[in-house]
Amino acid sequence: MNWTHTAGRIGRSGFPLLMVGAVLLLSAPHIANAAPAAIRLKGSEILFEVALLWSRAYQVSVANNSGVSVEVQGGGSGNGIAALINGHVEVASTSRPMKSREISLTNRRLHRSPVGYIVGWDALSVIVHPDNPLTGISLAQLEEIFGKEGRQIHWSDLGVEAPGCEGGRVRPVTRKNTAGEFVFFRRSLFENKRHMRRDLRYFKTPEEVVSSVANDPCAIGYAGMAHATSRVKRLCLDPWRGEQFAARESETGAALQDTNARAATRKADADRCISPTADNLRRQTYPLVRPLYMYMLSDPEPAVSEFIAWARGPEGQSILERYGLIPIGHGGAPIPANGAERSANDD
């Protein structure tokens, strides 16, 4: 058996973590009467390296997949879904559910329906520079920091002084708006469909977000479990939201603004602040836990459905857990394509 890949760094688990955008192509020796099948997978940066590990392990361990080649590419959830819709891949890996308009477009263009499976769970950690003394933050404060209508927040508003942060102003950073992380983070914060502020700094990959926060004492951002390394500090989350965005008819604009200011300066409640620990993530008490998906088309080639079933089975889930994500357990029904969650970007 031969395989080729682009070499990269080594992760905490000891698995090789390969460069984003690399393609892993695995091939087995030709066996007579076995028609080779190509499984092309593209999508989520969170699942990219896990999918590479799945590809290699699947090729090595599954006896009946001789002749199957598996190609894995990143590029983000939106790009993976677009590739599935355009017929360029057999599997889209995503960190968000498909939107209703994406499902409709798939049906119109390919005359087949997308079928999604949860393949694992991730959680977003809110991260700051390691020298920042802040230990926790509330969802209400994050709404003010990242929201379009939010005011400019200084670290002193949050009860701390950030060493090395000239001017003391909080500088929020985020993934690009086509990333599954961006969609999930925005939906989690803004239940009333507010938008992110325009002066955010946007980054293409989670590694770039982490690097930006690690090198900027003023920055605050978010990253998935596998990317929130020791280079940054992870904050606990107080799920308190307050009522600062629930304006009443009797409430004047000035009074509402004052309410917003009080909410932003309220410190996270230590008794309610939930850390992104493994136990809290598995119990889903942490506010920013999200499912990870693989989508294929209805009536797929057997090799495609077999690969997804293997990834959701004991061996695939063991690899996912060792990488640092949360396993789903085994089995379970697919997500009905016509019942996909509505995204904030569906509007």
Protein backbone atom coordinates (compact mmCIF):
# COMPACT_ATOMS: atom_id res chain seq x y z
CA MET A 1 0.00 0.00 0.00
CA ASN A 2 1.22 3.44 -0.89
CA TRP A 3 -0.01 6.85 0.12
CA THR A 4 1.14 10.41 -0.40
CA HIS A 5 0.51 13.49 1.71
CA THR A 6 1.99 16.84 2.62
CA ALA A 7 4.05 16.63 5.78
CA GLY A 8 3.25 18.92 8.70
CA ARG A 9 3.38 19.40 12.42
CA ILE A 10 2.60 16.81 15.09
CA GLY A 11 -0.45 17.33 17.29
CA ARG A 12 -1.01 16.73 21.01
CA SER A 13 -2.31 13.23 20.35
CA GLY A 14 0.75 12.24 18.35
CA PHE A 15 -1.16 12.18 15.06
CA PRO A 16 0.38 14.10 12.15
CA LEU A 17 -1.46 17.39 11.65
CA LEU A 18 -1.16 18.37 8.02
CA MET A 19 -1.20 21.78 6.41
CA VAL A 20 -4.62 23.28 5.58
CA GLY A 21 -5.36 22.87 1.90
CA ALA A 22 -3.31 19.69 1.60
CA VAL A 23 -4.86 16.69 -0.10
CA LEU A 24 -4.42 13.16 1.18
CA LEU A 25 -4.77 10.55 -1.56
CA LEU A 26 -4.77 6.95 -0.41
CA SER A 27 -4.78 4.03 -2.78
CA ALA A 28 -4.70 0.27 -2.39
CA PRO A 29 -3.19 -2.27 -4.80
CA HIS A 30 -5.53 -3.19 -7.63
CA ILE A 31 -7.57 -6.31 -6.98
CA ALA A 32 -9.18 -8.14 -9.88
CA ASN A 33 -12.91 -7.59 -10.31
CA ALA A 34 -12.87 -4.74 -7.77
CA ALA A 35 -14.02 -1.49 -9.34
CA PRO A 36 -12.20 1.42 -7.68
CA ALA A 37 -14.36 4.11 -6.11
CA ALA A 38 -13.27 7.70 -5.42
CA ILE A 39 -14.56 9.37 -2.29
CA ARG A 40 -13.92 13.11 -2.48
CA LEU A 41 -14.46 14.99 0.79
CA LYS A 42 -14.24 18.75 1.23
CA GLY A 43 -15.25 21.28 3.87
CA SER A 44 -14.83 22.20 7.51
CA GLU A 45 -11.42 23.30 8.75
CA ILE A 46 -12.35 21.86 12.17
CA LEU A 47 -12.86 18.41 10.65
CA PHE A 48 -10.08 18.69 8.05
CA GLU A 49 -7.29 17.05 10.03
CA VAL A 50 -9.63 14.49 11.60
CA ALA A 51 -10.83 13.54 8.12
CA LEU A 52 -7.23 13.06 7.02
CA LEU A 53 -6.67 10.70 9.95
CA TRP A 54 -9.92 8.89 9.19
CA SER A 55 -8.86 8.46 5.56
CA ARG A 56 -5.56 6.85 6.45
CA ALA A 57 -6.98 4.59 9.15
CA TYR A 58 -9.91 3.54 6.96
CA GLN A 59 -7.63 2.56 4.13
CA VAL A 60 -5.40 0.55 6.43
CA SER A 61 -8.00 -1.20 8.57
CA VAL A 62 -11.07 -1.86 6.43
CA ALA A 63 -10.60 -5.07 4.50
CA ASN A 64 -13.42 -4.67 1.99
CA ASN A 65 -12.51 -1.24 0.63
CA SER A 66 -9.69 -2.34 -1.67
CA GLY A 67 -9.45 0.02 -4.60
CA VAL A 68 -11.11 2.90 -2.75
CA SER A 69 -9.29 6.22 -2.86
CA VAL A 70 -10.15 8.97 -0.40
CA GLU A 71 -9.30 12.60 -1.10
CA VAL A 72 -9.65 15.17 1.69
CA GLN A 73 -9.63 18.95 1.31
CA GLY A 74 -10.40 21.82 3.66
CA GLY A 75 -11.62 25.25 2.61
CA GLY A 76 -14.48 25.76 5.08
CA SER A 77 -18.02 24.49 5.55
CA GLY A 78 -19.55 26.79 2.92
CA ASN A 79 -17.04 25.71 0.29
CA GLY A 80 -17.62 22.05 1.11
CA ILE A 81 -21.38 22.43 0.73
CA ALA A 82 -20.93 24.34 -2.54
CA ALA A 83 -18.73 21.53 -3.86
CA LEU A 84 -21.42 18.98 -2.97
CA ILE A 85 -24.13 21.06 -4.66
CA ASN A 86 -21.99 21.42 -7.79
CA GLY A 87 -21.28 17.68 -7.93
CA HIS A 88 -17.54 18.06 -7.31
CA VAL A 89 -17.43 15.90 -4.15
CA GLU A 90 -19.26 12.94 -2.66
CA VAL A 91 -19.07 14.21 0.94
CA ALA A 92 -19.21 17.68 2.50
CA SER A 93 -17.89 18.00 6.05
CA THR A 94 -19.41 20.94 7.90
CA SER A 95 -19.52 22.57 11.32
CA ARG A 96 -23.04 23.86 10.66
CA PRO A 97 -26.24 22.35 9.26
CA MET A 98 -27.06 22.97 5.64
CA LYS A 99 -29.32 25.96 5.07
CA SER A 100 -32.77 25.54 3.59
CA ARG A 101 -31.76 27.35 0.41
CA GLU A 102 -28.71 25.08 0.01
CA ILE A 103 -30.94 22.02 0.33
CA SER A 104 -33.37 23.41 -2.25
CA LEU A 105 -30.53 24.21 -4.64
CA THR A 106 -29.16 20.66 -4.30
CA ASN A 107 -32.56 19.21 -5.14
CA ARG A 108 -33.01 21.48 -8.16
CA ARG A 109 -29.52 21.07 -9.54
CA LEU A 110 -28.83 17.38 -8.90
CA HIS A 111 -32.37 15.99 -8.46
CA ARG A 112 -31.12 14.32 -5.27
CA SER A 113 -31.46 15.31 -1.62
CA PRO A 114 -28.58 15.89 0.79
CA VAL A 115 -28.51 13.51 3.75
CA GLY A 116 -26.58 14.61 6.82
CA TYR A 117 -25.12 12.74 9.78
CA ILE A 118 -23.66 14.08 13.00
CA VAL A 119 -20.11 12.72 13.19
CA GLY A 120 -18.91 14.41 16.39
CA TRP A 121 -19.17 17.46 18.63
CA ASP A 122 -17.02 20.53 19.06
CA ALA A 123 -17.13 23.57 21.33
CA LEU A 124 -15.97 27.12 20.74
CA SER A 125 -13.67 28.58 23.38
CA VAL A 126 -13.57 32.34 23.89
CA ILE A 127 -9.88 33.19 23.94
CA VAL A 128 -7.68 36.10 25.03
CA HIS A 129 -3.96 36.79 25.26
CA PRO A 130 -2.27 34.59 27.92
CA ASP A 131 -1.22 37.65 29.96
CA ASN A 132 -4.78 38.94 30.19
CA PRO A 133 -6.01 38.58 33.81
CA LEU A 134 -9.64 38.06 32.75
CA THR A 135 -10.88 34.56 33.66
CA GLY A 136 -14.54 34.63 32.60
CA ILE A 137 -17.02 36.57 30.50
CA SER A 138 -20.81 36.58 30.09
CA LEU A 139 -22.78 36.12 26.88
CA ALA A 140 -24.20 39.61 27.45
CA GLN A 141 -20.69 41.06 27.42
CA LEU A 142 -19.83 39.13 24.26
CA GLU A 143 -22.95 40.55 22.61
CA GLU A 144 -21.69 44.05 23.35
CA ILE A 145 -18.16 43.31 22.17
CA PHE A 146 -19.10 41.59 18.89
CA GLY A 147 -22.55 43.06 18.13
CA LYS A 148 -23.24 45.67 15.48
CA GLU A 149 -25.07 47.94 17.93
CA GLY A 150 -22.49 47.44 20.68
CA ARG A 151 -20.37 50.30 21.94
CA GLN A 152 -16.58 50.32 22.08
CA ILE A 153 -15.57 48.27 25.12
CA HIS A 154 -12.36 48.74 27.08
CA TRP A 155 -10.81 46.04 29.23
CA SER A 156 -11.43 48.28 32.24
CA ASP A 157 -15.18 47.95 31.50
CA LEU A 158 -14.72 44.25 32.15
CA GLY A 159 -12.92 44.89 35.44
CA VAL A 160 -9.33 44.23 34.32
CA GLU A 161 -6.34 45.96 32.81
CA ALA A 162 -4.75 44.09 29.92
CA PRO A 163 -0.94 44.30 30.13
CA GLY A 164 0.60 45.58 26.91
CA CYS A 165 -2.71 46.69 25.40
CA GLU A 166 -2.10 50.28 24.35
CA GLY A 167 -5.25 52.35 24.79
CA GLY A 168 -6.94 49.49 26.63
CA ARG A 169 -9.65 48.93 24.00
CA VAL A 170 -10.94 45.41 23.41
CA ARG A 171 -10.13 44.31 19.86
CA PRO A 172 -12.46 41.48 18.69
CA VAL A 173 -11.35 39.07 15.96
CA THR A 174 -13.38 36.44 14.13
CA ARG A 175 -13.43 33.84 11.36
CA LYS A 176 -14.63 34.92 7.92
CA ASN A 177 -18.39 35.11 7.58
CA THR A 178 -18.64 31.98 5.40
CA ALA A 179 -17.08 29.78 8.10
CA GLY A 180 -19.27 27.44 10.13
CA GLU A 181 -17.65 28.79 13.30
CA PHE A 182 -18.74 32.34 12.43
CA VAL A 183 -22.34 31.26 11.76
CA PHE A 184 -22.56 29.24 14.97
CA PHE A 185 -20.96 31.94 17.13
CA ARG A 186 -23.27 34.64 15.75
CA ARG A 187 -26.37 32.50 16.19
CA SER A 188 -25.36 31.60 19.74
CA LEU A 189 -24.89 35.23 20.74
CA PHE A 190 -27.62 37.00 18.83
CA GLU A 191 -30.90 35.23 19.37
CA ASN A 192 -32.70 38.31 18.05
CA LYS A 193 -30.79 38.18 14.71
CA ARG A 194 -28.47 41.09 15.38
CA HIS A 195 -25.40 41.28 13.19
CA MET A 196 -21.71 41.30 13.93
CA ARG A 197 -20.03 44.71 14.02
CA ARG A 198 -18.24 45.90 10.91
CA ASP A 199 -14.89 46.77 12.46
CA LEU A 200 -14.03 43.16 13.37
CA ARG A 201 -10.79 41.69 12.10
CA TYR A 202 -11.61 38.67 9.94
CA PHE A 203 -9.38 35.64 9.42
CA LYS A 204 -9.63 32.73 7.01
CA THR A 205 -8.51 29.89 9.28
CA PRO A 206 -8.82 29.09 13.00
CA GLU A 207 -5.04 28.97 13.23
CA GLU A 208 -4.90 32.60 12.10
CA VAL A 209 -7.44 33.62 14.75
CA VAL A 210 -5.44 31.90 17.49
CA SER A 211 -2.17 33.42 16.25
CA SER A 212 -3.72 36.89 16.18
CA VAL A 213 -4.99 36.61 19.76
CA ALA A 214 -1.73 35.07 20.97
CA ASN A 215 0.22 38.04 19.60
CA ASP A 216 -2.17 40.89 20.46
CA PRO A 217 -2.72 41.80 24.16
CA CYS A 218 -5.87 43.72 23.16
CA ALA A 219 -7.54 40.89 21.24
CA ILE A 220 -10.44 38.58 22.02
CA GLY A 221 -11.69 35.84 19.71
CA TYR A 222 -12.96 32.29 19.59
CA ALA A 223 -11.67 28.94 18.38
CA GLY A 224 -12.67 25.28 18.34
CA MET A 225 -11.41 22.76 20.88
CA ALA A 226 -8.61 21.41 18.73
CA HIS A 227 -7.22 24.87 17.94
CA ALA A 228 -7.48 26.69 21.30
CA THR A 229 -3.96 25.76 22.33
CA SER A 230 -1.82 26.87 25.28
CA ARG A 231 -0.74 29.90 23.22
CA VAL A 232 -3.98 31.58 24.35
CA LYS A 233 -6.13 31.68 27.49
CA ARG A 234 -9.59 30.09 27.40
CA LEU A 235 -12.31 31.90 29.35
CA CYS A 236 -15.18 30.37 31.26
CA LEU A 237 -18.63 31.52 30.09
CA ASP A 238 -21.42 32.93 32.22
CA PRO A 239 -24.67 32.22 30.30
CA TRP A 240 -26.29 35.41 31.66
CA ARG A 241 -27.65 37.52 28.80
CA GLY A 242 -29.43 40.32 30.63
CA GLU A 243 -32.24 42.35 29.09
CA GLN A 244 -30.17 45.01 27.41
CA PHE A 245 -31.55 44.25 23.96
CA ALA A 246 -35.19 43.80 24.98
CA ALA A 247 -36.34 47.41 24.59
CA ARG A 248 -39.79 48.15 25.97
CA GLU A 249 -42.13 50.74 24.54
CA SER A 250 -41.94 52.74 27.78
CA GLU A 251 -38.16 52.71 27.83
CA THR A 252 -36.43 55.73 26.33
CA GLY A 253 -33.37 55.43 24.14
CA ALA A 254 -31.18 56.94 26.85
CA ALA A 255 -32.46 54.49 29.46
CA LEU A 256 -31.86 51.55 27.14
CA GLN A 257 -28.33 52.75 26.41
CA ASP A 258 -27.69 53.00 30.15
CA THR A 259 -28.96 49.45 30.57
CA ASN A 260 -26.57 48.31 27.86
CA ALA A 261 -23.65 50.01 29.60
CA ARG A 262 -24.49 48.39 32.93
CA ALA A 263 -24.70 44.97 31.27
CA ALA A 264 -21.33 45.39 29.57
CA THR A 265 -19.60 46.32 32.82
CA ARG A 266 -21.12 43.47 34.82
CA LYS A 267 -18.48 40.91 35.68
CA ALA A 268 -19.04 37.28 34.84
CA ASP A 269 -20.57 35.48 37.83
CA ALA A 270 -17.93 33.08 39.12
CA ASP A 271 -20.61 30.73 40.48
CA ARG A 272 -22.26 30.39 37.08
CA CYS A 273 -19.18 30.63 34.85
CA ILE A 274 -18.79 27.35 32.95
CA SER A 275 -15.37 26.26 31.74
CA PRO A 276 -14.90 24.35 28.46
CA THR A 277 -13.82 21.16 30.26
CA ALA A 278 -14.39 17.70 28.80
CA ASP A 279 -17.10 16.90 31.38
CA ASN A 280 -18.99 20.14 30.76
CA LEU A 281 -18.80 19.59 27.02
CA ARG A 282 -20.09 16.04 27.20
CA ARG A 283 -22.96 17.12 29.46
CA GLN A 284 -23.53 20.06 27.10
CA THR A 285 -23.78 22.51 29.99
CA TYR A 286 -21.19 24.71 28.29
CA PRO A 287 -23.05 27.29 26.14
CA LEU A 288 -21.07 26.96 22.90
CA VAL A 289 -21.23 23.24 22.09
CA ARG A 290 -22.09 22.38 18.47
CA PRO A 291 -22.49 19.27 16.30
CA LEU A 292 -20.22 18.46 13.37
CA TYR A 293 -21.69 16.95 10.22
CA MET A 294 -21.00 14.98 7.09
CA TYR A 295 -23.42 15.35 4.17
CA MET A 296 -23.74 13.05 1.20
CA LEU A 297 -26.39 12.79 -1.52
CA SER A 298 -29.32 10.40 -1.35
CA ASP A 299 -28.81 7.05 -3.09
CA PRO A 300 -25.00 7.23 -2.78
CA GLU A 301 -22.43 4.74 -3.97
CA PRO A 302 -22.03 2.05 -1.27
CA ALA A 303 -18.43 3.07 -0.63
CA VAL A 304 -19.56 6.57 0.41
CA SER A 305 -22.15 5.45 2.95
CA GLU A 306 -19.76 2.77 4.25
CA PHE A 307 -17.04 5.36 4.88
CA ILE A 308 -19.40 7.66 6.81
CA ALA A 309 -20.72 4.71 8.83
CA TRP A 310 -17.14 3.74 9.69
CA ALA A 311 -16.31 7.32 10.78
CA ARG A 312 -19.33 7.24 13.11
CA GLY A 313 -18.41 3.79 14.43
CA PRO A 314 -16.03 2.79 17.24
CA GLU A 315 -12.74 3.18 15.38
CA GLY A 316 -13.61 6.49 13.72
CA GLN A 317 -14.96 7.95 16.94
CA SER A 318 -11.87 6.85 18.87
CA ILE A 319 -9.70 8.79 16.41
CA LEU A 320 -11.94 11.86 16.70
CA GLU A 321 -11.77 11.74 20.52
CA ARG A 322 -7.97 11.39 20.56
CA TYR A 323 -7.75 14.43 18.30
CA GLY A 324 -9.60 16.44 20.95
CA LEU A 325 -13.23 16.47 19.81
CA ILE A 326 -16.29 14.90 21.45
CA PRO A 327 -17.52 11.53 20.14
CA ILE A 328 -21.20 10.99 19.39
CA GLY A 329 -21.50 7.39 20.45
CA HIS A 330 -22.42 4.93 17.75
CA GLY A 331 -25.39 4.53 15.45
CA GLY A 332 -28.16 7.09 15.26
CA ALA A 333 -30.42 8.26 12.49
CA PRO A 334 -29.48 10.71 9.75
CA ILE A 335 -30.57 14.34 9.93
CA PRO A 336 -33.56 14.67 7.58
CA ALA A 337 -32.54 16.91 4.69
CA ASN A 338 -35.87 18.70 4.77
CA GLY A 339 -35.52 19.33 8.49
CA ALA A 340 -32.20 21.13 8.54
CA GLU A 341 -31.80 23.86 11.10
CA ARG A 342 -32.52 27.38 9.97
CA SER A 343 -29.36 29.46 9.92
CA ALA A 344 -29.02 33.14 10.63
CA ASN A 345 -27.66 33.38 7.09
CA ASP A 346 -30.86 31.93 5.62
CA ASP A 347 -32.44 35.39 5.58
